[in-house]
């Protein structure tokens, strides 16, 4: 089973450049965690970003942001019903797997399998 959560302008799971989910993103992840926690499946949590370069001094990039988003989702989900032993891995992809590579501003946040 694969569940992909895709952002649009109408529904954002994370604000641009922020590692913590929005309130809508938190509600969705909590609801999903309750359902997934009842299943035997292993969950792989992936974080993604858009292709906009991360501003700042260069010590924090889309790599860190995507990994922080995935780990933030893991923590929230584990506190809402996902069992810790269900988590197979948590990883960040930065902007390396865009949903629409031709549109360098498209966002893709997380995939769960």
PDB file of N, CA and C in Angstrom:
ATOM      1  N   UNK A   1       0.855  -1.170   0.000  1.00  0.00           N
ATOM      2  CA  UNK A   1       0.000   0.000   0.000  1.00  0.00           C
ATOM      3  C   UNK A   1       0.902   1.234   0.000  1.00  0.00           C
ATOM      4  N   UNK A   2       0.546   2.211  -0.815  1.00  0.00           N
ATOM      5  CA  UNK A   2       1.295   3.474  -0.856  1.00  0.00           C
ATOM      6  C   UNK A   2       0.314   4.618  -0.737  1.00  0.00           C
ATOM      7  N   UNK A   3       0.618   5.544   0.167  1.00  0.00           N
ATOM      8  CA  UNK A   3      -0.193   6.746   0.363  1.00  0.00           C
ATOM      9  C   UNK A   3       0.719   7.937   0.096  1.00  0.00           C
ATOM     10  N   UNK A   4       0.350   8.767  -0.849  1.00  0.00           N
ATOM     11  CA  UNK A   4       1.109   9.984  -1.123  1.00  0.00           C
ATOM     12  C   UNK A   4       0.247  11.185  -0.787  1.00  0.00           C
ATOM     13  N   UNK A   5       0.810  12.105  -0.050  1.00  0.00           N
ATOM     14  CA  UNK A   5       0.120  13.343   0.290  1.00  0.00           C
ATOM     15  C   UNK A   5       0.718  14.446  -0.569  1.00  0.00           C
ATOM     16  N   UNK A   6      -0.092  15.009  -1.442  1.00  0.00           N
ATOM     17  CA  UNK A   6       0.392  16.015  -2.377  1.00  0.00           C
ATOM     18  C   UNK A   6      -0.190  17.370  -2.052  1.00  0.00           C
ATOM     19  N   UNK A   7       0.657  18.365  -2.029  1.00  0.00           N
ATOM     20  CA  UNK A   7       0.220  19.720  -1.746  1.00  0.00           C
ATOM     21  C   UNK A   7      -0.260  20.421  -3.010  1.00  0.00           C
ATOM     22  N   UNK A   8      -1.175  21.335  -2.808  1.00  0.00           N
ATOM     23  CA  UNK A   8      -1.590  22.275  -3.842  1.00  0.00           C
ATOM     24  C   UNK A   8      -1.657  23.641  -3.186  1.00  0.00           C
ATOM     25  N   UNK A   9      -1.898  24.669  -3.962  1.00  0.00           N
ATOM     26  CA  UNK A   9      -2.045  25.994  -3.376  1.00  0.00           C
ATOM     27  C   UNK A   9      -3.229  26.033  -2.407  1.00  0.00           C
ATOM     28  N   UNK A  10      -4.220  25.193  -2.626  1.00  0.00           N
ATOM     29  CA  UNK A  10      -5.411  25.166  -1.764  1.00  0.00           C
ATOM     30  C   UNK A  10      -5.168  24.413  -0.463  1.00  0.00           C
ATOM     31  N   UNK A  11      -4.207  23.519  -0.440  1.00  0.00           N
ATOM     32  CA  UNK A  11      -3.957  22.726   0.752  1.00  0.00           C
ATOM     33  C   UNK A  11      -2.479  22.483   0.955  1.00  0.00           C
ATOM     34  N   UNK A  12      -1.910  23.135   1.954  1.00  0.00           N
ATOM     35  CA  UNK A  12      -0.480  23.027   2.215  1.00  0.00           C
ATOM     36  C   UNK A  12      -0.254  22.266   3.520  1.00  0.00           C
ATOM     37  N   UNK A  13       0.633  21.301   3.508  1.00  0.00           N
ATOM     38  CA  UNK A  13       0.977  20.549   4.709  1.00  0.00           C
ATOM     39  C   UNK A  13       2.079  21.258   5.496  1.00  0.00           C
ATOM     40  N   UNK A  14       2.925  21.992   4.786  1.00  0.00           N
ATOM     41  CA  UNK A  14       4.020  22.737   5.404  1.00  0.00           C
ATOM     42  C   UNK A  14       4.080  24.115   4.755  1.00  0.00           C
ATOM     43  N   UNK A  15       4.360  25.121   5.554  1.00  0.00           N
ATOM     44  CA  UNK A  15       4.612  26.451   4.990  1.00  0.00           C
ATOM     45  C   UNK A  15       5.984  26.420   4.339  1.00  0.00           C
ATOM     46  N   UNK A  16       6.163  27.240   3.328  1.00  0.00           N
ATOM     47  CA  UNK A  16       7.434  27.291   2.618  1.00  0.00           C
ATOM     48  C   UNK A  16       8.584  27.549   3.597  1.00  0.00           C
ATOM     49  N   UNK A  17       9.584  26.679   3.559  1.00  0.00           N
ATOM     50  CA  UNK A  17      10.763  26.836   4.398  1.00  0.00           C
ATOM     51  C   UNK A  17      10.610  26.413   5.837  1.00  0.00           C
ATOM     52  N   UNK A  18       9.457  25.880   6.222  1.00  0.00           N
ATOM     53  CA  UNK A  18       9.207  25.505   7.625  1.00  0.00           C
ATOM     54  C   UNK A  18       9.204  23.977   7.785  1.00  0.00           C
ATOM     55  N   UNK A  19       9.817  23.460   8.852  1.00  0.00           N
ATOM     56  CA  UNK A  19       9.845  22.015   9.063  1.00  0.00           C
ATOM     57  C   UNK A  19       8.625  21.452   9.799  1.00  0.00           C
ATOM     58  N   UNK A  20       7.885  22.302  10.511  1.00  0.00           N
ATOM     59  CA  UNK A  20       6.717  21.819  11.266  1.00  0.00           C
ATOM     60  C   UNK A  20       5.473  21.886  10.382  1.00  0.00           C
ATOM     61  N   UNK A  21       4.592  20.887  10.477  1.00  0.00           N
ATOM     62  CA  UNK A  21       3.375  20.909   9.661  1.00  0.00           C
ATOM     63  C   UNK A  21       2.444  22.062  10.051  1.00  0.00           C
ATOM     64  N   UNK A  22       1.635  22.484   9.093  1.00  0.00           N
ATOM     65  CA  UNK A  22       0.586  23.463   9.373  1.00  0.00           C
ATOM     66  C   UNK A  22      -0.475  22.788  10.235  1.00  0.00           C
ATOM     67  N   UNK A  23      -1.430  23.530  10.725  1.00  0.00           N
ATOM     68  CA  UNK A  23      -2.492  22.917  11.529  1.00  0.00           C
ATOM     69  C   UNK A  23      -3.291  21.922  10.687  1.00  0.00           C
ATOM     70  N   UNK A  24      -3.560  22.244   9.420  1.00  0.00           N
ATOM     71  CA  UNK A  24      -4.263  21.287   8.550  1.00  0.00           C
ATOM     72  C   UNK A  24      -3.411  20.050   8.292  1.00  0.00           C
ATOM     73  N   UNK A  25      -2.117  20.250   8.081  1.00  0.00           N
ATOM     74  CA  UNK A  25      -1.213  19.126   7.885  1.00  0.00           C
ATOM     75  C   UNK A  25      -1.141  18.248   9.119  1.00  0.00           C
ATOM     76  N   UNK A  26      -1.104  18.867  10.289  1.00  0.00           N
ATOM     77  CA  UNK A  26      -1.070  18.107  11.541  1.00  0.00           C
ATOM     78  C   UNK A  26      -2.332  17.277  11.727  1.00  0.00           C
ATOM     79  N   UNK A  27      -3.477  17.874  11.430  1.00  0.00           N
ATOM     80  CA  UNK A  27      -4.745  17.144  11.554  1.00  0.00           C
ATOM     81  C   UNK A  27      -4.781  15.943  10.616  1.00  0.00           C
ATOM     82  N   UNK A  28      -4.346  16.132   9.390  1.00  0.00           N
ATOM     83  CA  UNK A  28      -4.349  15.039   8.416  1.00  0.00           C
ATOM     84  C   UNK A  28      -3.394  13.927   8.836  1.00  0.00           C
ATOM     85  N   UNK A  29      -2.183  14.290   9.255  1.00  0.00           N
ATOM     86  CA  UNK A  29      -1.208  13.288   9.683  1.00  0.00           C
ATOM     87  C   UNK A  29      -1.685  12.533  10.920  1.00  0.00           C
ATOM     88  N   UNK A  30      -2.317  13.234  11.861  1.00  0.00           N
ATOM     89  CA  UNK A  30      -2.835  12.582  13.065  1.00  0.00           C
ATOM     90  C   UNK A  30      -3.932  11.586  12.702  1.00  0.00           C
ATOM     91  N   UNK A  31      -4.818  11.972  11.818  1.00  0.00           N
ATOM     92  CA  UNK A  31      -5.895  11.090  11.382  1.00  0.00           C
ATOM     93  C   UNK A  31      -5.335   9.869  10.650  1.00  0.00           C
ATOM     94  N   UNK A  32      -4.376  10.103   9.790  1.00  0.00           N
ATOM     95  CA  UNK A  32      -3.741   9.010   9.054  1.00  0.00           C
ATOM     96  C   UNK A  32      -3.023   8.065  10.013  1.00  0.00           C
ATOM     97  N   UNK A  33      -2.349   8.612  11.017  1.00  0.00           N
ATOM     98  CA  UNK A  33      -1.618   7.804  11.996  1.00  0.00           C
ATOM     99  C   UNK A  33      -2.552   6.867  12.754  1.00  0.00           C
ATOM    100  N   UNK A  34      -3.735   7.348  13.108  1.00  0.00           N
ATOM    101  CA  UNK A  34      -4.703   6.497  13.810  1.00  0.00           C
ATOM    102  C   UNK A  34      -5.091   5.298  12.963  1.00  0.00           C
ATOM    103  N   UNK A  35      -5.275   5.522  11.679  1.00  0.00           N
ATOM    104  CA  UNK A  35      -5.657   4.434  10.781  1.00  0.00           C
ATOM    105  C   UNK A  35      -4.484   3.484  10.528  1.00  0.00           C
ATOM    106  N   UNK A  36      -3.308   4.044  10.220  1.00  0.00           N
ATOM    107  CA  UNK A  36      -2.141   3.208   9.934  1.00  0.00           C
ATOM    108  C   UNK A  36      -1.691   2.428  11.161  1.00  0.00           C
ATOM    109  N   UNK A  37      -1.880   2.989  12.342  1.00  0.00           N
ATOM    110  CA  UNK A  37      -1.491   2.304  13.571  1.00  0.00           C
ATOM    111  C   UNK A  37      -2.257   1.016  13.815  1.00  0.00           C
ATOM    112  N   UNK A  38      -3.384   0.855  13.147  1.00  0.00           N
ATOM    113  CA  UNK A  38      -4.186  -0.366  13.284  1.00  0.00           C
ATOM    114  C   UNK A  38      -3.776  -1.449  12.289  1.00  0.00           C
ATOM    115  N   UNK A  39      -2.880  -1.112  11.371  1.00  0.00           N
ATOM    116  CA  UNK A  39      -2.450  -2.052  10.339  1.00  0.00           C
ATOM    117  C   UNK A  39      -1.093  -2.654  10.681  1.00  0.00           C
ATOM    118  N   UNK A  40      -0.753  -3.797  10.078  1.00  0.00           N
ATOM    119  CA  UNK A  40       0.553  -4.414  10.329  1.00  0.00           C
ATOM    120  C   UNK A  40       1.668  -3.831   9.454  1.00  0.00           C
ATOM    121  N   UNK A  41       1.332  -2.960   8.531  1.00  0.00           N
ATOM    122  CA  UNK A  41       2.294  -2.445   7.550  1.00  0.00           C
ATOM    123  C   UNK A  41       3.442  -1.664   8.184  1.00  0.00           C
ATOM    124  N   UNK A  42       4.609  -1.768   7.545  1.00  0.00           N
ATOM    125  CA  UNK A  42       5.733  -0.908   7.864  1.00  0.00           C
ATOM    126  C   UNK A  42       5.498   0.415   7.150  1.00  0.00           C
ATOM    127  N   UNK A  43       5.869   1.509   7.794  1.00  0.00           N
ATOM    128  CA  UNK A  43       5.665   2.841   7.235  1.00  0.00           C
ATOM    129  C   UNK A  43       7.023   3.470   6.938  1.00  0.00           C
ATOM    130  N   UNK A  44       7.167   3.959   5.718  1.00  0.00           N
ATOM    131  CA  UNK A  44       8.364   4.666   5.290  1.00  0.00           C
ATOM    132  C   UNK A  44       7.951   6.117   5.099  1.00  0.00           C
ATOM    133  N   UNK A  45       8.586   7.022   5.803  1.00  0.00           N
ATOM    134  CA  UNK A  45       8.188   8.425   5.753  1.00  0.00           C
ATOM    135  C   UNK A  45       9.250   9.208   4.993  1.00  0.00           C
ATOM    136  N   UNK A  46       8.802   9.878   3.935  1.00  0.00           N
ATOM    137  CA  UNK A  46       9.707  10.627   3.070  1.00  0.00           C
ATOM    138  C   UNK A  46       9.330  12.101   3.088  1.00  0.00           C
ATOM    139  N   UNK A  47      10.319  12.958   3.212  1.00  0.00           N
ATOM    140  CA  UNK A  47      10.101  14.395   3.149  1.00  0.00           C
ATOM    141  C   UNK A  47      10.654  14.957   1.855  1.00  0.00           C
ATOM    142  N   UNK A  48       9.928  15.899   1.291  1.00  0.00           N
ATOM    143  CA  UNK A  48      10.332  16.540   0.039  1.00  0.00           C
ATOM    144  C   UNK A  48      10.182  18.047   0.181  1.00  0.00           C
ATOM    145  N   UNK A  49      10.799  18.781  -0.723  1.00  0.00           N
ATOM    146  CA  UNK A  49      10.641  20.233  -0.768  1.00  0.00           C
ATOM    147  C   UNK A  49      10.378  20.650  -2.210  1.00  0.00           C
ATOM    148  N   UNK A  50      10.090  21.932  -2.372  1.00  0.00           N
ATOM    149  CA  UNK A  50      10.035  22.465  -3.729  1.00  0.00           C
ATOM    150  C   UNK A  50      11.471  22.750  -4.161  1.00  0.00           C
ATOM    151  N   UNK A  51      11.651  23.309  -5.332  1.00  0.00           N
ATOM    152  CA  UNK A  51      13.005  23.512  -5.843  1.00  0.00           C
ATOM    153  C   UNK A  51      13.556  24.904  -5.564  1.00  0.00           C
ATOM    154  N   UNK A  52      12.804  25.707  -4.809  1.00  0.00           N
ATOM    155  CA  UNK A  52      13.331  27.031  -4.473  1.00  0.00           C
ATOM    156  C   UNK A  52      14.509  26.870  -3.523  1.00  0.00           C
ATOM    157  N   UNK A  53      15.635  27.538  -3.818  1.00  0.00           N
ATOM    158  CA  UNK A  53      16.781  27.443  -2.905  1.00  0.00           C
ATOM    159  C   UNK A  53      16.408  27.984  -1.529  1.00  0.00           C
ATOM    160  N   UNK A  54      16.924  27.350  -0.514  1.00  0.00           N
ATOM    161  CA  UNK A  54      16.671  27.782   0.851  1.00  0.00           C
ATOM    162  C   UNK A  54      17.549  28.980   1.133  1.00  0.00           C
ATOM    163  N   UNK A  55      16.949  30.074   1.591  1.00  0.00           N
ATOM    164  CA  UNK A  55      17.728  31.290   1.850  1.00  0.00           C
ATOM    165  C   UNK A  55      18.409  31.193   3.203  1.00  0.00           C
ATOM    166  N   UNK A  56      19.438  31.942   3.365  1.00  0.00           N
ATOM    167  CA  UNK A  56      20.162  31.952   4.629  1.00  0.00           C
ATOM    168  C   UNK A  56      21.651  31.898   4.391  1.00  0.00           C
ATOM    169  N   UNK A  57      22.383  31.472   5.413  1.00  0.00           N
ATOM    170  CA  UNK A  57      23.843  31.474   5.325  1.00  0.00           C
ATOM    171  C   UNK A  57      24.414  30.212   4.691  1.00  0.00           C
ATOM    172  N   UNK A  58      23.562  29.313   4.227  1.00  0.00           N
ATOM    173  CA  UNK A  58      24.032  28.096   3.578  1.00  0.00           C
ATOM    174  C   UNK A  58      24.199  26.915   4.506  1.00  0.00           C
ATOM    175  N   UNK A  59      24.006  27.106   5.804  1.00  0.00           N
ATOM    176  CA  UNK A  59      24.169  26.000   6.747  1.00  0.00           C
ATOM    177  C   UNK A  59      22.904  25.132   6.838  1.00  0.00           C
ATOM    178  N   UNK A  60      21.813  25.594   6.261  1.00  0.00           N
ATOM    179  CA  UNK A  60      20.552  24.851   6.265  1.00  0.00           C
ATOM    180  C   UNK A  60      20.016  24.898   4.835  1.00  0.00           C
ATOM    181  N   UNK A  61      19.753  23.731   4.264  1.00  0.00           N
ATOM    182  CA  UNK A  61      19.349  23.659   2.869  1.00  0.00           C
ATOM    183  C   UNK A  61      18.059  22.848   2.734  1.00  0.00           C
ATOM    184  N   UNK A  62      17.630  22.647   1.505  1.00  0.00           N
ATOM    185  CA  UNK A  62      16.457  21.807   1.258  1.00  0.00           C
ATOM    186  C   UNK A  62      16.680  20.372   1.728  1.00  0.00           C
ATOM    187  N   UNK A  63      17.941  19.939   1.810  1.00  0.00           N
ATOM    188  CA  UNK A  63      18.223  18.604   2.346  1.00  0.00           C
ATOM    189  C   UNK A  63      17.812  18.518   3.808  1.00  0.00           C
ATOM    190  N   UNK A  64      18.273  19.460   4.604  1.00  0.00           N
ATOM    191  CA  UNK A  64      17.910  19.458   6.021  1.00  0.00           C
ATOM    192  C   UNK A  64      16.418  19.667   6.203  1.00  0.00           C
ATOM    193  N   UNK A  65      15.851  20.578   5.423  1.00  0.00           N
ATOM    194  CA  UNK A  65      14.424  20.861   5.537  1.00  0.00           C
ATOM    195  C   UNK A  65      13.589  19.622   5.234  1.00  0.00           C
ATOM    196  N   UNK A  66      13.913  18.904   4.170  1.00  0.00           N
ATOM    197  CA  UNK A  66      13.117  17.722   3.819  1.00  0.00           C
ATOM    198  C   UNK A  66      13.240  16.630   4.881  1.00  0.00           C
ATOM    199  N   UNK A  67      14.444  16.429   5.410  1.00  0.00           N
ATOM    200  CA  UNK A  67      14.634  15.431   6.464  1.00  0.00           C
ATOM    201  C   UNK A  67      13.920  15.860   7.747  1.00  0.00           C
ATOM    202  N   UNK A  68      13.979  17.147   8.076  1.00  0.00           N
ATOM    203  CA  UNK A  68      13.287  17.652   9.258  1.00  0.00           C
ATOM    204  C   UNK A  68      11.777  17.513   9.118  1.00  0.00           C
ATOM    205  N   UNK A  69      11.252  17.733   7.915  1.00  0.00           N
ATOM    206  CA  UNK A  69       9.813  17.557   7.680  1.00  0.00           C
ATOM    207  C   UNK A  69       9.400  16.104   7.867  1.00  0.00           C
ATOM    208  N   UNK A  70      10.184  15.193   7.331  1.00  0.00           N
ATOM    209  CA  UNK A  70       9.860  13.769   7.477  1.00  0.00           C
ATOM    210  C   UNK A  70       9.916  13.359   8.945  1.00  0.00           C
ATOM    211  N   UNK A  71      10.924  13.813   9.670  1.00  0.00           N
ATOM    212  CA  UNK A  71      11.045  13.459  11.082  1.00  0.00           C
ATOM    213  C   UNK A  71       9.955  14.118  11.916  1.00  0.00           C
ATOM    214  N   UNK A  72       9.578  15.321  11.557  1.00  0.00           N
ATOM    215  CA  UNK A  72       8.481  16.012  12.235  1.00  0.00           C
ATOM    216  C   UNK A  72       7.172  15.243  12.037  1.00  0.00           C
ATOM    217  N   UNK A  73       6.950  14.763  10.823  1.00  0.00           N
ATOM    218  CA  UNK A  73       5.755  13.956  10.535  1.00  0.00           C
ATOM    219  C   UNK A  73       5.786  12.659  11.342  1.00  0.00           C
ATOM    220  N   UNK A  74       6.966  12.027  11.440  1.00  0.00           N
ATOM    221  CA  UNK A  74       7.099  10.790  12.221  1.00  0.00           C
ATOM    222  C   UNK A  74       6.729  11.019  13.679  1.00  0.00           C
ATOM    223  N   UNK A  75       7.272  12.061  14.275  1.00  0.00           N
ATOM    224  CA  UNK A  75       6.995  12.352  15.686  1.00  0.00           C
ATOM    225  C   UNK A  75       5.503  12.578  15.915  1.00  0.00           C
ATOM    226  N   UNK A  76       4.916  13.383  15.057  1.00  0.00           N
ATOM    227  CA  UNK A  76       3.491  13.680  15.201  1.00  0.00           C
ATOM    228  C   UNK A  76       2.664  12.400  15.041  1.00  0.00           C
ATOM    229  N   UNK A  77       3.008  11.593  14.059  1.00  0.00           N
ATOM    230  CA  UNK A  77       2.246  10.368  13.812  1.00  0.00           C
ATOM    231  C   UNK A  77       2.422   9.362  14.951  1.00  0.00           C
ATOM    232  N   UNK A  78       3.631   9.255  15.489  1.00  0.00           N
ATOM    233  CA  UNK A  78       3.850   8.340  16.609  1.00  0.00           C
ATOM    234  C   UNK A  78       3.092   8.780  17.850  1.00  0.00           C
ATOM    235  N   UNK A  79       2.851  10.058  17.994  1.00  0.00           N
ATOM    236  CA  UNK A  79       2.089  10.523  19.153  1.00  0.00           C
ATOM    237  C   UNK A  79       0.585  10.442  18.914  1.00  0.00           C
ATOM    238  N   UNK A  80       0.195   9.958  17.728  1.00  0.00           N
ATOM    239  CA  UNK A  80      -1.230   9.864  17.400  1.00  0.00           C
ATOM    240  C   UNK A  80      -1.644   8.490  16.889  1.00  0.00           C
ATOM    241  N   UNK A  81      -0.925   7.451  17.285  1.00  0.00           N
ATOM    242  CA  UNK A  81      -1.391   6.115  16.979  1.00  0.00           C
ATOM    243  C   UNK A  81      -0.468   5.248  16.152  1.00  0.00           C
ATOM    244  N   UNK A  82       0.482   5.826  15.447  1.00  0.00           N
ATOM    245  CA  UNK A  82       1.437   5.018  14.699  1.00  0.00           C
ATOM    246  C   UNK A  82       2.403   4.398  15.699  1.00  0.00           C
ATOM    247  N   UNK A  83       2.622   3.109  15.606  1.00  0.00           N
ATOM    248  CA  UNK A  83       3.535   2.438  16.522  1.00  0.00           C
ATOM    249  C   UNK A  83       4.981   2.661  16.074  1.00  0.00           C
ATOM    250  N   UNK A  84       5.863   2.934  17.011  1.00  0.00           N
ATOM    251  CA  UNK A  84       7.271   3.212  16.692  1.00  0.00           C
ATOM    252  C   UNK A  84       7.897   2.079  15.887  1.00  0.00           C
ATOM    253  N   UNK A  85       7.520   0.841  16.206  1.00  0.00           N
ATOM    254  CA  UNK A  85       8.105  -0.301  15.487  1.00  0.00           C
ATOM    255  C   UNK A  85       7.600  -0.419  14.041  1.00  0.00           C
ATOM    256  N   UNK A  86       6.573   0.342  13.696  1.00  0.00           N
ATOM    257  CA  UNK A  86       6.082   0.352  12.317  1.00  0.00           C
ATOM    258  C   UNK A  86       6.970   1.178  11.397  1.00  0.00           C
ATOM    259  N   UNK A  87       7.721   2.102  11.957  1.00  0.00           N
ATOM    260  CA  UNK A  87       8.520   3.007  11.141  1.00  0.00           C
ATOM    261  C   UNK A  87       9.766   2.282  10.645  1.00  0.00           C
ATOM    262  N   UNK A  88       9.828   2.101   9.323  1.00  0.00           N
ATOM    263  CA  UNK A  88      10.960   1.421   8.698  1.00  0.00           C
ATOM    264  C   UNK A  88      12.122   2.356   8.425  1.00  0.00           C
ATOM    265  N   UNK A  89      11.821   3.548   7.984  1.00  0.00           N
ATOM    266  CA  UNK A  89      12.839   4.583   7.836  1.00  0.00           C
ATOM    267  C   UNK A  89      12.191   5.940   7.611  1.00  0.00           C
ATOM    268  N   UNK A  90      13.001   6.949   7.856  1.00  0.00           N
ATOM    269  CA  UNK A  90      12.600   8.345   7.677  1.00  0.00           C
ATOM    270  C   UNK A  90      13.715   8.965   6.850  1.00  0.00           C
ATOM    271  N   UNK A  91      13.348   9.587   5.727  1.00  0.00           N
ATOM    272  CA  UNK A  91      14.400  10.152   4.881  1.00  0.00           C
ATOM    273  C   UNK A  91      13.936  11.404   4.164  1.00  0.00           C
ATOM    274  N   UNK A  92      14.903  12.246   3.840  1.00  0.00           N
ATOM    275  CA  UNK A  92      14.624  13.480   3.123  1.00  0.00           C
ATOM    276  C   UNK A  92      15.186  13.421   1.719  1.00  0.00           C
ATOM    277  N   UNK A  93      14.431  13.945   0.770  1.00  0.00           N
ATOM    278  CA  UNK A  93      14.835  13.936  -0.629  1.00  0.00           C
ATOM    279  C   UNK A  93      15.144  15.323  -1.189  1.00  0.00           C
ATOM    280  N   UNK A  94      15.020  16.358  -0.363  1.00  0.00           N
ATOM    281  CA  UNK A  94      15.189  17.733  -0.839  1.00  0.00           C
ATOM    282  C   UNK A  94      14.304  17.938  -2.064  1.00  0.00           C
ATOM    283  N   UNK A  95      14.865  18.472  -3.129  1.00  0.00           N
ATOM    284  CA  UNK A  95      14.085  18.716  -4.347  1.00  0.00           C
ATOM    285  C   UNK A  95      14.440  17.719  -5.446  1.00  0.00           C
ATOM    286  N   UNK A  96      14.936  16.543  -5.080  1.00  0.00           N
ATOM    287  CA  UNK A  96      15.427  15.565  -6.056  1.00  0.00           C
ATOM    288  C   UNK A  96      14.351  14.721  -6.723  1.00  0.00           C
ATOM    289  N   UNK A  97      13.152  14.689  -6.167  1.00  0.00           N
ATOM    290  CA  UNK A  97      12.084  13.880  -6.757  1.00  0.00           C
ATOM    291  C   UNK A  97      10.816  14.716  -6.888  1.00  0.00           C
ATOM    292  N   UNK A  98      10.883  15.748  -7.701  1.00  0.00           N
ATOM    293  CA  UNK A  98       9.717  16.604  -7.893  1.00  0.00           C
ATOM    294  C   UNK A  98       8.635  15.855  -8.643  1.00  0.00           C
ATOM    295  N   UNK A  99       7.405  16.118  -8.291  1.00  0.00           N
ATOM    296  CA  UNK A  99       6.262  15.475  -8.954  1.00  0.00           C
ATOM    297  C   UNK A  99       6.216  15.843 -10.437  1.00  0.00           C
ATOM    298  N   UNK A 100       6.492  17.111 -10.731  1.00  0.00           N
ATOM    299  CA  UNK A 100       6.539  17.607 -12.110  1.00  0.00           C
ATOM    300  C   UNK A 100       7.906  18.260 -12.320  1.00  0.00           C
ATOM    301  N   UNK A 101       8.911  17.500 -12.726  1.00  0.00           N
ATOM    302  CA  UNK A 101      10.264  18.056 -12.853  1.00  0.00           C
ATOM    303  C   UNK A 101      10.350  19.276 -13.770  1.00  0.00           C
ATOM    304  N   UNK A 102       9.455  19.363 -14.720  1.00  0.00           N
ATOM    305  CA  UNK A 102       9.487  20.513 -15.630  1.00  0.00           C
ATOM    306  C   UNK A 102       9.016  21.797 -14.948  1.00  0.00           C
ATOM    307  N   UNK A 103       8.283  21.667 -13.857  1.00  0.00           N
ATOM    308  CA  UNK A 103       7.824  22.827 -13.090  1.00  0.00           C
ATOM    309  C   UNK A 103       8.642  22.873 -11.809  1.00  0.00           C
ATOM    310  N   UNK A 104       9.748  23.564 -11.838  1.00  0.00           N
ATOM    311  CA  UNK A 104      10.690  23.554 -10.719  1.00  0.00           C
ATOM    312  C   UNK A 104      10.131  24.144  -9.431  1.00  0.00           C
ATOM    313  N   UNK A 105       8.885  24.636  -9.410  1.00  0.00           N
ATOM    314  CA  UNK A 105       8.298  25.198  -8.189  1.00  0.00           C
ATOM    315  C   UNK A 105       7.226  24.294  -7.589  1.00  0.00           C
ATOM    316  N   UNK A 106       6.946  23.149  -8.187  1.00  0.00           N
ATOM    317  CA  UNK A 106       5.927  22.232  -7.680  1.00  0.00           C
ATOM    318  C   UNK A 106       6.423  21.593  -6.385  1.00  0.00           C
ATOM    319  N   UNK A 107       5.542  21.430  -5.431  1.00  0.00           N
ATOM    320  CA  UNK A 107       5.902  20.821  -4.153  1.00  0.00           C
ATOM    321  C   UNK A 107       5.364  19.417  -4.041  1.00  0.00           C
ATOM    322  N   UNK A 108       6.106  18.597  -3.339  1.00  0.00           N
ATOM    323  CA  UNK A 108       5.670  17.255  -2.993  1.00  0.00           C
ATOM    324  C   UNK A 108       6.185  16.994  -1.591  1.00  0.00           C
ATOM    325  N   UNK A 109       5.314  16.731  -0.669  1.00  0.00           N
ATOM    326  CA  UNK A 109       5.775  16.652   0.705  1.00  0.00           C
ATOM    327  C   UNK A 109       6.117  15.272   1.213  1.00  0.00           C
ATOM    328  N   UNK A 110       5.206  14.387   1.239  1.00  0.00           N
ATOM    329  CA  UNK A 110       5.503  13.138   1.920  1.00  0.00           C
ATOM    330  C   UNK A 110       4.832  11.967   1.249  1.00  0.00           C
ATOM    331  N   UNK A 111       5.482  10.829   1.343  1.00  0.00           N
ATOM    332  CA  UNK A 111       4.901   9.594   0.860  1.00  0.00           C
ATOM    333  C   UNK A 111       5.003   8.562   1.961  1.00  0.00           C
ATOM    334  N   UNK A 112       3.987   7.778   2.115  1.00  0.00           N
ATOM    335  CA  UNK A 112       3.975   6.724   3.129  1.00  0.00           C
ATOM    336  C   UNK A 112       3.686   5.413   2.420  1.00  0.00           C
ATOM    337  N   UNK A 113       4.416   4.380   2.789  1.00  0.00           N
ATOM    338  CA  UNK A 113       4.211   3.092   2.160  1.00  0.00           C
ATOM    339  C   UNK A 113       4.046   2.047   3.231  1.00  0.00           C
TER     340      UNK A 113
END
